Amino acid sequence: MSDDLLLALETKLDKLILLCNRLQQENAELKTRESEWQRERVRLIEKNELARSRVEAMITHLRNLDAE
């Protein structure tokens, strides 16, 4: 192989290594964000269930008052 071909190949490999490193970092960041979104989703579901049970309790209480 000529020096020019080796240099071109080395340059392409360097670019691929940089791209791979960048993609690994981006993937790690995306996994972290996904985990945060999952925790937020669970928190919101729990909050929604609490609100639902409170509303149901209020409705039951109002019906009981109306029945008296």
PDB file of N, CA and C in Angstrom:
ATOM      1  N   MET A   1       0.841  -1.186   0.000  1.00  0.00           N
ATOM      2  CA  MET A   1       0.000   0.000   0.000  1.00  0.00           C
ATOM      3  C   MET A   1       0.880   1.241   0.000  1.00  0.00           C
ATOM      4  N   SER A   2       0.372   2.229  -0.661  1.00  0.00           N
ATOM      5  CA  SER A   2       1.143   3.466  -0.695  1.00  0.00           C
ATOM      6  C   SER A   2       0.871   4.271   0.568  1.00  0.00           C
ATOM      7  N   ASP A   3       1.760   5.195   0.823  1.00  0.00           N
ATOM      8  CA  ASP A   3       1.619   6.055   2.001  1.00  0.00           C
ATOM      9  C   ASP A   3       0.320   6.859   1.968  1.00  0.00           C
ATOM     10  N   ASP A   4      -0.085   7.296   0.773  1.00  0.00           N
ATOM     11  CA  ASP A   4      -1.322   8.062   0.650  1.00  0.00           C
ATOM     12  C   ASP A   4      -2.538   7.223   1.040  1.00  0.00           C
ATOM     13  N   LEU A   5      -2.567   5.969   0.605  1.00  0.00           N
ATOM     14  CA  LEU A   5      -3.675   5.090   0.944  1.00  0.00           C
ATOM     15  C   LEU A   5      -3.700   4.796   2.440  1.00  0.00           C
ATOM     16  N   LEU A   6      -2.552   4.565   3.009  1.00  0.00           N
ATOM     17  CA  LEU A   6      -2.481   4.312   4.449  1.00  0.00           C
ATOM     18  C   LEU A   6      -2.932   5.531   5.249  1.00  0.00           C
ATOM     19  N   LEU A   7      -2.526   6.696   4.811  1.00  0.00           N
ATOM     20  CA  LEU A   7      -2.935   7.924   5.489  1.00  0.00           C
ATOM     21  C   LEU A   7      -4.440   8.135   5.379  1.00  0.00           C
ATOM     22  N   ALA A   8      -4.999   7.870   4.203  1.00  0.00           N
ATOM     23  CA  ALA A   8      -6.443   8.010   4.008  1.00  0.00           C
ATOM     24  C   ALA A   8      -7.193   7.010   4.889  1.00  0.00           C
ATOM     25  N   LEU A   9      -6.705   5.788   4.952  1.00  0.00           N
ATOM     26  CA  LEU A   9      -7.325   4.771   5.787  1.00  0.00           C
ATOM     27  C   LEU A   9      -7.234   5.149   7.262  1.00  0.00           C
ATOM     28  N   GLU A  10      -6.086   5.638   7.680  1.00  0.00           N
ATOM     29  CA  GLU A  10      -5.907   6.062   9.062  1.00  0.00           C
ATOM     30  C   GLU A  10      -6.855   7.212   9.408  1.00  0.00           C
ATOM     31  N   THR A  11      -7.031   8.135   8.490  1.00  0.00           N
ATOM     32  CA  THR A  11      -7.933   9.265   8.696  1.00  0.00           C
ATOM     33  C   THR A  11      -9.370   8.779   8.842  1.00  0.00           C
ATOM     34  N   LYS A  12      -9.770   7.853   7.973  1.00  0.00           N
ATOM     35  CA  LYS A  12     -11.127   7.307   8.064  1.00  0.00           C
ATOM     36  C   LYS A  12     -11.331   6.552   9.375  1.00  0.00           C
ATOM     37  N   LEU A  13     -10.336   5.792   9.790  1.00  0.00           N
ATOM     38  CA  LEU A  13     -10.440   5.067  11.057  1.00  0.00           C
ATOM     39  C   LEU A  13     -10.546   6.026  12.240  1.00  0.00           C
ATOM     40  N   ASP A  14      -9.772   7.090  12.209  1.00  0.00           N
ATOM     41  CA  ASP A  14      -9.845   8.090  13.275  1.00  0.00           C
ATOM     42  C   ASP A  14     -11.245   8.711  13.344  1.00  0.00           C
ATOM     43  N   LYS A  15     -11.814   9.004  12.175  1.00  0.00           N
ATOM     44  CA  LYS A  15     -13.162   9.569  12.142  1.00  0.00           C
ATOM     45  C   LYS A  15     -14.186   8.571  12.680  1.00  0.00           C
ATOM     46  N   LEU A  16     -14.036   7.314  12.317  1.00  0.00           N
ATOM     47  CA  LEU A  16     -14.952   6.287  12.811  1.00  0.00           C
ATOM     48  C   LEU A  16     -14.837   6.108  14.315  1.00  0.00           C
ATOM     49  N   ILE A  17     -13.640   6.176  14.833  1.00  0.00           N
ATOM     50  CA  ILE A  17     -13.434   6.062  16.279  1.00  0.00           C
ATOM     51  C   ILE A  17     -14.098   7.233  16.997  1.00  0.00           C
ATOM     52  N   LEU A  18     -13.921   8.429  16.465  1.00  0.00           N
ATOM     53  CA  LEU A  18     -14.564   9.606  17.057  1.00  0.00           C
ATOM     54  C   LEU A  18     -16.086   9.483  17.004  1.00  0.00           C
ATOM     55  N   LEU A  19     -16.596   9.024  15.874  1.00  0.00           N
ATOM     56  CA  LEU A  19     -18.037   8.851  15.727  1.00  0.00           C
ATOM     57  C   LEU A  19     -18.554   7.803  16.712  1.00  0.00           C
ATOM     58  N   CYS A  20     -17.836   6.715  16.839  1.00  0.00           N
ATOM     59  CA  CYS A  20     -18.222   5.662  17.773  1.00  0.00           C
ATOM     60  C   CYS A  20     -18.238   6.185  19.206  1.00  0.00           C
ATOM     61  N   ASN A  21     -17.226   6.930  19.579  1.00  0.00           N
ATOM     62  CA  ASN A  21     -17.177   7.508  20.927  1.00  0.00           C
ATOM     63  C   ASN A  21     -18.333   8.475  21.166  1.00  0.00           C
ATOM     64  N   ARG A  22     -18.621   9.288  20.178  1.00  0.00           N
ATOM     65  CA  ARG A  22     -19.724  10.237  20.303  1.00  0.00           C
ATOM     66  C   ARG A  22     -21.062   9.508  20.437  1.00  0.00           C
ATOM     67  N   LEU A  23     -21.244   8.462  19.641  1.00  0.00           N
ATOM     68  CA  LEU A  23     -22.488   7.706  19.706  1.00  0.00           C
ATOM     69  C   LEU A  23     -22.633   6.963  21.031  1.00  0.00           C
ATOM     70  N   GLN A  24     -21.534   6.466  21.564  1.00  0.00           N
ATOM     71  CA  GLN A  24     -21.587   5.810  22.874  1.00  0.00           C
ATOM     72  C   GLN A  24     -21.989   6.803  23.962  1.00  0.00           C
ATOM     73  N   GLN A  25     -21.438   7.993  23.906  1.00  0.00           N
ATOM     74  CA  GLN A  25     -21.783   9.026  24.883  1.00  0.00           C
ATOM     75  C   GLN A  25     -23.253   9.433  24.730  1.00  0.00           C
ATOM     76  N   GLU A  26     -23.686   9.625  23.504  1.00  0.00           N
ATOM     77  CA  GLU A  26     -25.074   9.997  23.252  1.00  0.00           C
ATOM     78  C   GLU A  26     -26.021   8.891  23.727  1.00  0.00           C
ATOM     79  N   ASN A  27     -25.657   7.654  23.486  1.00  0.00           N
ATOM     80  CA  ASN A  27     -26.473   6.528  23.923  1.00  0.00           C
ATOM     81  C   ASN A  27     -26.583   6.496  25.449  1.00  0.00           C
ATOM     82  N   ALA A  28     -25.486   6.741  26.133  1.00  0.00           N
ATOM     83  CA  ALA A  28     -25.503   6.765  27.601  1.00  0.00           C
ATOM     84  C   ALA A  28     -26.405   7.893  28.102  1.00  0.00           C
ATOM     85  N   GLU A  29     -26.324   9.054  27.460  1.00  0.00           N
ATOM     86  CA  GLU A  29     -27.174  10.182  27.852  1.00  0.00           C
ATOM     87  C   GLU A  29     -28.647   9.863  27.610  1.00  0.00           C
ATOM     88  N   LEU A  30     -28.948   9.222  26.485  1.00  0.00           N
ATOM     89  CA  LEU A  30     -30.330   8.861  26.184  1.00  0.00           C
ATOM     90  C   LEU A  30     -30.864   7.838  27.177  1.00  0.00           C
ATOM     91  N   LYS A  31     -30.039   6.900  27.574  1.00  0.00           N
ATOM     92  CA  LYS A  31     -30.463   5.914  28.568  1.00  0.00           C
ATOM     93  C   LYS A  31     -30.744   6.583  29.910  1.00  0.00           C
ATOM     94  N   THR A  32     -29.930   7.561  30.267  1.00  0.00           N
ATOM     95  CA  THR A  32     -30.148   8.299  31.512  1.00  0.00           C
ATOM     96  C   THR A  32     -31.466   9.063  31.445  1.00  0.00           C
ATOM     97  N   ARG A  33     -31.706   9.738  30.335  1.00  0.00           N
ATOM     98  CA  ARG A  33     -32.959  10.485  30.176  1.00  0.00           C
ATOM     99  C   ARG A  33     -34.159   9.555  30.175  1.00  0.00           C
ATOM    100  N   GLU A  34     -34.015   8.402  29.527  1.00  0.00           N
ATOM    101  CA  GLU A  34     -35.120   7.435  29.512  1.00  0.00           C
ATOM    102  C   GLU A  34     -35.451   6.986  30.933  1.00  0.00           C
ATOM    103  N   SER A  35     -34.430   6.729  31.711  1.00  0.00           N
ATOM    104  CA  SER A  35     -34.627   6.314  33.093  1.00  0.00           C
ATOM    105  C   SER A  35     -35.339   7.407  33.889  1.00  0.00           C
ATOM    106  N   GLU A  36     -34.935   8.642  33.678  1.00  0.00           N
ATOM    107  CA  GLU A  36     -35.586   9.772  34.363  1.00  0.00           C
ATOM    108  C   GLU A  36     -37.046   9.884  33.955  1.00  0.00           C
ATOM    109  N   TRP A  37     -37.340   9.710  32.653  1.00  0.00           N
ATOM    110  CA  TRP A  37     -38.721   9.778  32.180  1.00  0.00           C
ATOM    111  C   TRP A  37     -39.552   8.637  32.769  1.00  0.00           C
ATOM    112  N   GLN A  38     -38.942   7.462  32.885  1.00  0.00           N
ATOM    113  CA  GLN A  38     -39.669   6.328  33.459  1.00  0.00           C
ATOM    114  C   GLN A  38     -40.026   6.598  34.923  1.00  0.00           C
ATOM    115  N   ARG A  39     -39.077   7.147  35.675  1.00  0.00           N
ATOM    116  CA  ARG A  39     -39.356   7.487  37.075  1.00  0.00           C
ATOM    117  C   ARG A  39     -40.450   8.550  37.165  1.00  0.00           C
ATOM    118  N   GLU A  40     -40.388   9.539  36.295  1.00  0.00           N
ATOM    119  CA  GLU A  40     -41.413  10.591  36.279  1.00  0.00           C
ATOM    120  C   GLU A  40     -42.777   9.995  35.928  1.00  0.00           C
ATOM    121  N   ARG A  41     -42.804   9.081  34.993  1.00  0.00           N
ATOM    122  CA  ARG A  41     -44.057   8.426  34.595  1.00  0.00           C
ATOM    123  C   ARG A  41     -44.670   7.682  35.776  1.00  0.00           C
ATOM    124  N   VAL A  42     -43.853   6.933  36.495  1.00  0.00           N
ATOM    125  CA  VAL A  42     -44.341   6.197  37.664  1.00  0.00           C
ATOM    126  C   VAL A  42     -44.889   7.168  38.700  1.00  0.00           C
ATOM    127  N   ARG A  43     -44.167   8.251  38.937  1.00  0.00           N
ATOM    128  CA  ARG A  43     -44.613   9.261  39.911  1.00  0.00           C
ATOM    129  C   ARG A  43     -45.955   9.854  39.501  1.00  0.00           C
ATOM    130  N   LEU A  44     -46.119  10.157  38.220  1.00  0.00           N
ATOM    131  CA  LEU A  44     -47.372  10.743  37.749  1.00  0.00           C
ATOM    132  C   LEU A  44     -48.524   9.746  37.817  1.00  0.00           C
ATOM    133  N   ILE A  45     -48.253   8.496  37.536  1.00  0.00           N
ATOM    134  CA  ILE A  45     -49.295   7.473  37.649  1.00  0.00           C
ATOM    135  C   ILE A  45     -49.754   7.354  39.097  1.00  0.00           C
ATOM    136  N   GLU A  46     -48.792   7.343  40.024  1.00  0.00           N
ATOM    137  CA  GLU A  46     -49.144   7.273  41.438  1.00  0.00           C
ATOM    138  C   GLU A  46     -49.958   8.494  41.863  1.00  0.00           C
ATOM    139  N   LYS A  47     -49.556   9.662  41.404  1.00  0.00           N
ATOM    140  CA  LYS A  47     -50.273  10.893  41.736  1.00  0.00           C
ATOM    141  C   LYS A  47     -51.688  10.859  41.165  1.00  0.00           C
ATOM    142  N   ASN A  48     -51.828  10.360  39.954  1.00  0.00           N
ATOM    143  CA  ASN A  48     -53.132  10.249  39.312  1.00  0.00           C
ATOM    144  C   ASN A  48     -54.033   9.285  40.081  1.00  0.00           C
ATOM    145  N   GLU A  49     -53.483   8.163  40.511  1.00  0.00           N
ATOM    146  CA  GLU A  49     -54.261   7.192  41.281  1.00  0.00           C
ATOM    147  C   GLU A  49     -54.707   7.790  42.614  1.00  0.00           C
ATOM    148  N   LEU A  50     -53.852   8.547  43.268  1.00  0.00           N
ATOM    149  CA  LEU A  50     -54.212   9.199  44.517  1.00  0.00           C
ATOM    150  C   LEU A  50     -55.351  10.196  44.296  1.00  0.00           C
ATOM    151  N   ALA A  51     -55.255  10.986  43.248  1.00  0.00           N
ATOM    152  CA  ALA A  51     -56.311  11.957  42.935  1.00  0.00           C
ATOM    153  C   ALA A  51     -57.616  11.228  42.626  1.00  0.00           C
ATOM    154  N   ARG A  52     -57.528  10.134  41.872  1.00  0.00           N
ATOM    155  CA  ARG A  52     -58.727   9.373  41.532  1.00  0.00           C
ATOM    156  C   ARG A  52     -59.412   8.828  42.790  1.00  0.00           C
ATOM    157  N   SER A  53     -58.622   8.281  43.701  1.00  0.00           N
ATOM    158  CA  SER A  53     -59.210   7.718  44.921  1.00  0.00           C
ATOM    159  C   SER A  53     -59.827   8.821  45.795  1.00  0.00           C
ATOM    160  N   ARG A  54     -59.204   9.992  45.825  1.00  0.00           N
ATOM    161  CA  ARG A  54     -59.765  11.114  46.588  1.00  0.00           C
ATOM    162  C   ARG A  54     -61.092  11.579  45.983  1.00  0.00           C
ATOM    163  N   VAL A  55     -61.138  11.669  44.669  1.00  0.00           N
ATOM    164  CA  VAL A  55     -62.382  12.082  44.007  1.00  0.00           C
ATOM    165  C   VAL A  55     -63.475  11.052  44.260  1.00  0.00           C
ATOM    166  N   GLU A  56     -63.138   9.774  44.155  1.00  0.00           N
ATOM    167  CA  GLU A  56     -64.126   8.728  44.415  1.00  0.00           C
ATOM    168  C   GLU A  56     -64.622   8.798  45.856  1.00  0.00           C
ATOM    169  N   ALA A  57     -63.712   9.073  46.791  1.00  0.00           N
ATOM    170  CA  ALA A  57     -64.113   9.197  48.196  1.00  0.00           C
ATOM    171  C   ALA A  57     -65.043  10.394  48.385  1.00  0.00           C
ATOM    172  N   MET A  58     -64.759  11.506  47.713  1.00  0.00           N
ATOM    173  CA  MET A  58     -65.625  12.683  47.812  1.00  0.00           C
ATOM    174  C   MET A  58     -66.998  12.395  47.228  1.00  0.00           C
ATOM    175  N   ILE A  59     -67.044  11.711  46.111  1.00  0.00           N
ATOM    176  CA  ILE A  59     -68.321  11.369  45.482  1.00  0.00           C
ATOM    177  C   ILE A  59     -69.133  10.474  46.416  1.00  0.00           C
ATOM    178  N   THR A  60     -68.480   9.480  46.987  1.00  0.00           N
ATOM    179  CA  THR A  60     -69.160   8.590  47.922  1.00  0.00           C
ATOM    180  C   THR A  60     -69.687   9.381  49.123  1.00  0.00           C
ATOM    181  N   HIS A  61     -68.877  10.265  49.636  1.00  0.00           N
ATOM    182  CA  HIS A  61     -69.287  11.090  50.771  1.00  0.00           C
ATOM    183  C   HIS A  61     -70.493  11.956  50.404  1.00  0.00           C
ATOM    184  N   LEU A  62     -70.470  12.576  49.237  1.00  0.00           N
ATOM    185  CA  LEU A  62     -71.586  13.413  48.796  1.00  0.00           C
ATOM    186  C   LEU A  62     -72.852  12.590  48.598  1.00  0.00           C
ATOM    187  N   ARG A  63     -72.718  11.405  48.054  1.00  0.00           N
ATOM    188  CA  ARG A  63     -73.890  10.532  47.875  1.00  0.00           C
ATOM    189  C   ARG A  63     -74.473  10.149  49.227  1.00  0.00           C
ATOM    190  N   ASN A  64     -73.605   9.867  50.188  1.00  0.00           N
ATOM    191  CA  ASN A  64     -74.071   9.513  51.536  1.00  0.00           C
ATOM    192  C   ASN A  64     -74.785  10.701  52.174  1.00  0.00           C
ATOM    193  N   LEU A  65     -74.264  11.894  51.972  1.00  0.00           N
ATOM    194  CA  LEU A  65     -74.929  13.085  52.510  1.00  0.00           C
ATOM    195  C   LEU A  65     -76.298  13.290  51.875  1.00  0.00           C
ATOM    196  N   ASP A  66     -76.364  13.034  50.575  1.00  0.00           N
ATOM    197  CA  ASP A  66     -77.608  13.211  49.834  1.00  0.00           C
ATOM    198  C   ASP A  66     -78.635  12.175  50.264  1.00  0.00           C
ATOM    199  N   ALA A  67     -78.187  10.976  50.628  1.00  0.00           N
ATOM    200  CA  ALA A  67     -79.091   9.904  51.038  1.00  0.00           C
ATOM    201  C   ALA A  67     -79.678  10.152  52.410  1.00  0.00           C
ATOM    202  N   GLU A  68     -79.041  10.966  53.225  1.00  0.00           N
ATOM    203  CA  GLU A  68     -79.516  11.224  54.588  1.00  0.00           C
ATOM    204  C   GLU A  68     -80.693  12.084  54.617  1.00  0.00           C
TER     205      GLU A  68
END
